[in-house]
Amino acid sequence: EAVTSDQFRRVCDLLADESRAVHVLGGRISDALGLHLSRHLRQVRRGVSHLPSDPEQWPEYLLRMRGKDVLVLLDFRRYQPALLQLARLAARERKASVILITDRWMSPISSVAREVLPVPIESGAAWDTSVAALALIEAMIVDVSDRDWDATRKRIQSWDALRPPRGARED
C-alpha cells in the first residue's frame, strides 16, 4: 500500500532501461536483498553491478556512473551514514538516479532519492522482517523480465550455456 502502482511502474521503467546501468547496494543486513536483486537483474539484462560493501572501493563504481544510471540502495533502521554519503555522491556528483528501498521511518537517503519505496518491517518480534522488501524486489524482477520475455529467455539460456557444468573439475 505504501508503493503506488505508478511509482512501481516508474521504478521498473528505470530498471528495465538498458541505456542505463544499474548499481545496487544494501546495508549490513539488507545487502542480502541487494545481492538478490542484482543477481536476478544481471540474468535479465546487461549493465548491472553489485557494489562491494567496502567504501574504499566505491570511487571506482562512482566513476563509472553516468547521469542516466540508477543506484538502488536498501537502507533500514540503524541507517548507515556511509550509504547516505554514497547516495549524495551518486546523485550530486554523478547525476545518477537514486532509488531507495527503506522502512516507514525513512532512511536519510530519502532526501536525495528520486524514488523512495517504503515497506513495512515490523514483525512483532525482536527482529524486523525483510518479507515485504523481498516481495517488492521479486515483483520488480518479474516486471522487468516480463517486458520482453523472449529476450529475457534468450539471455538466461545464453547465461546458463556459459556456466560451468555442475561438478566440473579442472584436470
Protein backbone atom coordinates (compact mmCIF):
# COMPACT_ATOMS: atom_id res chain seq x y z
CA GLU A 1 0.00 0.00 0.00
CA ALA A 2 2.93 2.36 0.59
CA VAL A 3 4.13 1.95 -3.00
CA THR A 4 1.68 3.13 -5.64
CA SER A 5 1.30 1.31 -8.94
CA ASP A 6 2.53 4.45 -10.74
CA GLN A 7 5.64 4.57 -8.59
CA PHE A 8 6.26 0.85 -9.04
CA ARG A 9 5.99 1.32 -12.82
CA ARG A 10 8.39 4.31 -12.80
CA VAL A 11 10.98 2.32 -10.85
CA CYS A 12 10.63 -0.72 -13.11
CA ASP A 13 10.94 1.57 -16.16
CA LEU A 14 14.29 2.78 -14.80
CA LEU A 15 15.48 -0.75 -14.03
CA ALA A 16 14.44 -2.08 -17.44
CA ASP A 17 16.00 0.74 -19.47
CA GLU A 18 19.17 -0.81 -20.90
CA SER A 19 20.56 2.59 -21.80
CA ARG A 20 21.06 2.96 -18.04
CA ALA A 21 23.49 0.96 -15.93
CA VAL A 22 22.06 -0.26 -12.62
CA HIS A 23 24.17 -0.33 -9.46
CA VAL A 24 22.88 -1.98 -6.27
CA LEU A 25 23.94 -2.00 -2.61
CA GLY A 26 22.29 -2.57 0.74
CA GLY A 27 23.26 -2.20 4.36
CA ARG A 28 24.75 -4.69 6.80
CA ILE A 29 21.71 -6.95 6.71
CA SER A 30 19.74 -5.63 3.74
CA ASP A 31 22.60 -6.18 1.30
CA ALA A 32 21.45 -9.80 1.06
CA LEU A 33 18.34 -8.37 -0.63
CA GLY A 34 20.51 -6.14 -2.80
CA LEU A 35 22.52 -9.14 -3.91
CA HIS A 36 19.29 -10.99 -4.69
CA LEU A 37 18.09 -8.09 -6.86
CA SER A 38 21.40 -7.62 -8.67
CA ARG A 39 21.91 -11.32 -9.41
CA HIS A 40 18.47 -11.64 -10.95
CA LEU A 41 18.73 -8.41 -12.92
CA ARG A 42 22.13 -9.49 -14.29
CA GLN A 43 20.49 -12.53 -15.82
CA VAL A 44 17.73 -10.39 -17.34
CA ARG A 45 19.81 -7.50 -18.72
CA ARG A 46 23.33 -6.22 -19.17
CA GLY A 47 24.88 -3.36 -17.24
CA VAL A 48 24.06 -4.40 -13.67
CA SER A 49 26.61 -4.29 -10.86
CA HIS A 50 26.55 -5.01 -7.16
CA LEU A 51 28.80 -2.65 -5.26
CA PRO A 52 31.15 -4.09 -2.65
CA SER A 53 30.41 -3.28 0.97
CA ASP A 54 33.86 -1.70 1.43
CA PRO A 55 33.53 2.10 0.95
CA GLU A 56 37.17 2.25 -0.12
CA GLN A 57 36.12 0.53 -3.36
CA TRP A 58 33.16 2.83 -4.10
CA PRO A 59 35.10 5.51 -6.03
CA GLU A 60 35.66 3.05 -8.88
CA TYR A 61 31.92 2.47 -9.16
CA LEU A 62 31.10 6.15 -8.77
CA LEU A 63 33.48 6.98 -11.60
CA ARG A 64 31.58 4.51 -13.81
CA MET A 65 28.22 6.15 -13.12
CA ARG A 66 26.71 8.42 -15.75
CA GLY A 67 23.80 10.81 -15.49
CA LYS A 68 21.33 8.25 -16.83
CA ASP A 69 22.37 5.49 -14.43
CA VAL A 70 20.46 4.13 -11.47
CA LEU A 71 21.72 3.42 -7.97
CA VAL A 72 19.40 1.19 -5.93
CA LEU A 73 20.06 1.37 -2.19
CA LEU A 74 18.42 -0.60 0.59
CA ASP A 75 18.66 1.09 3.99
CA PHE A 76 16.56 0.20 7.02
CA ARG A 77 16.54 1.17 10.70
CA ARG A 78 20.00 1.66 12.11
CA TYR A 79 20.67 3.57 8.92
CA GLN A 80 24.20 3.60 7.63
CA PRO A 81 25.86 7.01 7.21
CA ALA A 82 28.23 5.61 4.56
CA LEU A 83 25.26 4.71 2.33
CA LEU A 84 23.96 8.27 2.67
CA GLN A 85 27.34 9.60 1.59
CA LEU A 86 27.33 7.22 -1.40
CA ALA A 87 23.83 8.35 -2.37
CA ARG A 88 24.83 12.02 -2.15
CA LEU A 89 27.90 11.50 -4.32
CA ALA A 90 25.99 9.45 -6.89
CA ALA A 91 23.13 11.96 -7.13
CA ARG A 92 25.07 15.22 -6.94
CA GLU A 93 28.43 14.43 -8.49
CA ARG A 94 27.49 11.72 -10.99
CA LYS A 95 23.84 12.77 -11.61
CA ALA A 96 22.62 9.19 -11.13
CA SER A 97 19.03 8.45 -10.15
CA VAL A 98 18.87 7.03 -6.64
CA ILE A 99 16.12 4.55 -5.81
CA LEU A 100 15.74 3.86 -2.10
CA ILE A 101 14.02 0.86 -0.54
CA THR A 102 13.54 1.66 3.15
CA ASP A 103 11.10 1.50 6.05
CA ARG A 104 8.30 3.85 7.09
CA TRP A 105 10.69 5.92 9.23
CA MET A 106 12.61 6.85 6.07
CA SER A 107 16.33 6.48 5.74
CA PRO A 108 18.14 9.84 5.47
CA ILE A 109 18.88 8.78 1.87
CA SER A 110 15.29 9.77 1.09
CA SER A 111 16.50 13.39 0.93
CA VAL A 112 18.46 12.68 -2.28
CA ALA A 113 16.46 9.77 -3.74
CA ARG A 114 14.46 10.13 -6.95
CA GLU A 115 12.13 7.36 -5.78
CA VAL A 116 11.54 6.16 -2.22
CA LEU A 117 9.87 2.80 -1.71
CA PRO A 118 8.90 2.36 1.94
CA VAL A 119 7.99 -1.16 3.03
CA PRO A 120 6.72 -2.46 6.37
CA ILE A 121 9.36 -4.15 8.51
CA GLU A 122 7.55 -4.60 11.83
CA SER A 123 7.18 -8.25 12.76
CA GLY A 124 6.02 -8.15 16.37
CA ALA A 125 9.27 -9.85 17.34
CA ALA A 126 12.68 -8.61 18.43
CA TRP A 127 13.88 -8.57 14.81
CA ASP A 128 12.46 -6.68 11.87
CA THR A 129 11.30 -8.63 8.83
CA SER A 130 12.51 -8.38 5.24
CA VAL A 131 9.49 -10.19 3.79
CA ALA A 132 7.81 -7.10 2.30
CA ALA A 133 11.09 -5.84 0.83
CA LEU A 134 11.76 -9.25 -0.73
CA ALA A 135 8.24 -9.39 -2.17
CA LEU A 136 8.71 -5.91 -3.68
CA ILE A 137 12.09 -6.86 -5.15
CA GLU A 138 10.74 -10.07 -6.64
CA ALA A 139 7.79 -8.20 -8.14
CA MET A 140 10.24 -5.75 -9.74
CA ILE A 141 12.31 -8.64 -11.14
CA VAL A 142 9.20 -10.22 -12.63
CA ASP A 143 8.04 -6.92 -14.14
CA VAL A 144 11.42 -6.18 -15.74
CA SER A 145 11.87 -9.71 -17.08
CA ASP A 146 8.32 -9.95 -18.45
CA ARG A 147 8.61 -6.76 -20.51
CA ASP A 148 10.38 -8.71 -23.26
CA TRP A 149 10.18 -12.31 -22.16
CA ASP A 150 11.67 -13.63 -25.41
CA ALA A 151 14.81 -11.52 -24.91
CA THR A 152 14.92 -12.47 -21.22
CA ARG A 153 14.55 -16.16 -22.02
CA LYS A 154 17.33 -15.99 -24.63
CA ARG A 155 19.65 -14.15 -22.23
CA ILE A 156 19.03 -16.69 -19.45
CA GLN A 157 19.65 -19.55 -21.89
CA SER A 158 22.90 -17.94 -23.04
CA TRP A 159 23.86 -17.28 -19.41
CA ASP A 160 23.21 -20.91 -18.48
CA ALA A 161 25.12 -22.19 -21.51
CA LEU A 162 28.21 -20.31 -20.30
CA ARG A 163 28.08 -21.59 -16.73
CA PRO A 164 30.47 -24.38 -15.86
CA PRO A 165 28.76 -27.75 -15.57
CA ARG A 166 27.99 -28.92 -12.05
CA GLY A 167 30.76 -30.99 -10.59
CA ALA A 168 33.20 -29.91 -13.34
CA ARG A 169 36.84 -30.16 -12.36
CA GLU A 170 39.94 -28.81 -13.94
CA ASP A 171 42.41 -31.55 -14.75
